[in-house]
C-alpha cells in the first residue's frame, strides 16, 4: 500500500508542477485537499488487489479480474 501511495504522490507532484502550464487556478488548500483525496483514494484499490490475491494464484488473478469486470 505504501508503494502505491508513494506513486500517487509522485504523480500529484508532477500534476501540481504542471498546473501553471495548463492555466489551472486552484488555491493551496484546494491543491492540498485534492492531493490527499487522490493519495488516500489509492488505498481501496490496494485492498482490492490484496483480496484478489488471497482468492487466486498468480497465474489466474488476471483472468479473475477480467471476468469480474465483464459481469
Protein backbone atom coordinates (compact mmCIF):
# COMPACT_ATOMS: atom_id res chain seq x y z
CA UNK A 1 0.00 0.00 0.00
CA UNK A 2 2.81 2.35 0.80
CA UNK A 3 4.36 2.00 -2.66
CA UNK A 4 1.09 2.80 -4.43
CA UNK A 5 0.53 5.82 -2.20
CA UNK A 6 4.09 6.95 -2.96
CA UNK A 7 3.46 6.52 -6.69
CA UNK A 8 0.27 8.59 -6.48
CA UNK A 9 2.15 11.25 -4.52
CA UNK A 10 4.79 11.43 -7.27
CA UNK A 11 2.07 11.77 -9.90
CA UNK A 12 0.38 14.52 -7.87
CA UNK A 13 3.65 16.45 -7.53
CA UNK A 14 4.04 16.28 -11.30
CA UNK A 15 0.46 17.45 -11.82
CA UNK A 16 0.81 20.33 -9.38
CA UNK A 17 4.09 21.39 -11.01
CA UNK A 18 2.37 21.40 -14.42
CA UNK A 19 -0.70 23.29 -13.16
CA UNK A 20 0.52 26.75 -14.27
CA UNK A 21 1.14 25.43 -17.79
CA UNK A 22 -2.47 24.32 -18.06
CA UNK A 23 -3.75 27.56 -16.51
CA UNK A 24 -5.20 25.69 -13.53
CA UNK A 25 -6.26 28.14 -10.87
CA UNK A 26 -6.55 26.36 -7.53
CA UNK A 27 -5.63 27.67 -4.13
CA UNK A 28 -3.10 25.99 -1.88
CA UNK A 29 -5.82 24.45 0.28
CA UNK A 30 -7.64 23.09 -2.77
CA UNK A 31 -4.44 21.57 -4.18
CA UNK A 32 -3.59 20.02 -0.83
CA UNK A 33 -7.07 18.54 -0.40
CA UNK A 34 -7.03 17.22 -3.99
CA UNK A 35 -3.67 15.59 -3.34
CA UNK A 36 -4.86 13.98 -0.10
CA UNK A 37 -8.01 12.63 -1.73
CA UNK A 38 -6.00 11.09 -4.56
CA UNK A 39 -3.33 9.63 -2.29
CA UNK A 40 -5.81 8.19 0.20
CA UNK A 41 -8.07 7.08 -2.65
CA UNK A 42 -5.42 4.58 -3.73
CA UNK A 43 -5.93 2.56 -0.54
CA UNK A 44 -9.22 0.83 -1.51
CA UNK A 45 -7.67 -0.36 -4.77
CA UNK A 46 -4.71 -1.78 -2.86
CA UNK A 47 -7.11 -3.60 -0.57
CA UNK A 48 -9.00 -4.95 -3.58
CA UNK A 49 -5.76 -6.25 -5.07
CA UNK A 50 -4.81 -7.92 -1.78
CA UNK A 51 -8.25 -9.53 -1.60
CA UNK A 52 -7.96 -10.90 -5.13
CA UNK A 53 -4.51 -12.18 -4.20
CA UNK A 54 -5.97 -14.23 -1.37
CA UNK A 55 -8.54 -15.84 -3.66
CA UNK A 56 -6.41 -16.65 -6.69
CA UNK A 57 -2.94 -17.76 -7.64
CA UNK A 58 -0.60 -15.51 -9.57
CA UNK A 59 -1.43 -17.08 -12.91
CA UNK A 60 -5.20 -16.96 -12.50
CA UNK A 61 -5.53 -13.48 -10.97
CA UNK A 62 -5.65 -11.55 -14.30
CA UNK A 63 -8.39 -13.83 -15.61
CA UNK A 64 -10.34 -13.42 -12.38
CA UNK A 65 -10.17 -9.64 -12.62
CA UNK A 66 -11.23 -9.62 -16.28
CA UNK A 67 -14.15 -11.98 -15.58
CA UNK A 68 -15.34 -9.83 -12.68
CA UNK A 69 -15.26 -6.69 -14.86
CA UNK A 70 -17.22 -8.35 -17.69
CA UNK A 71 -20.15 -9.26 -15.47
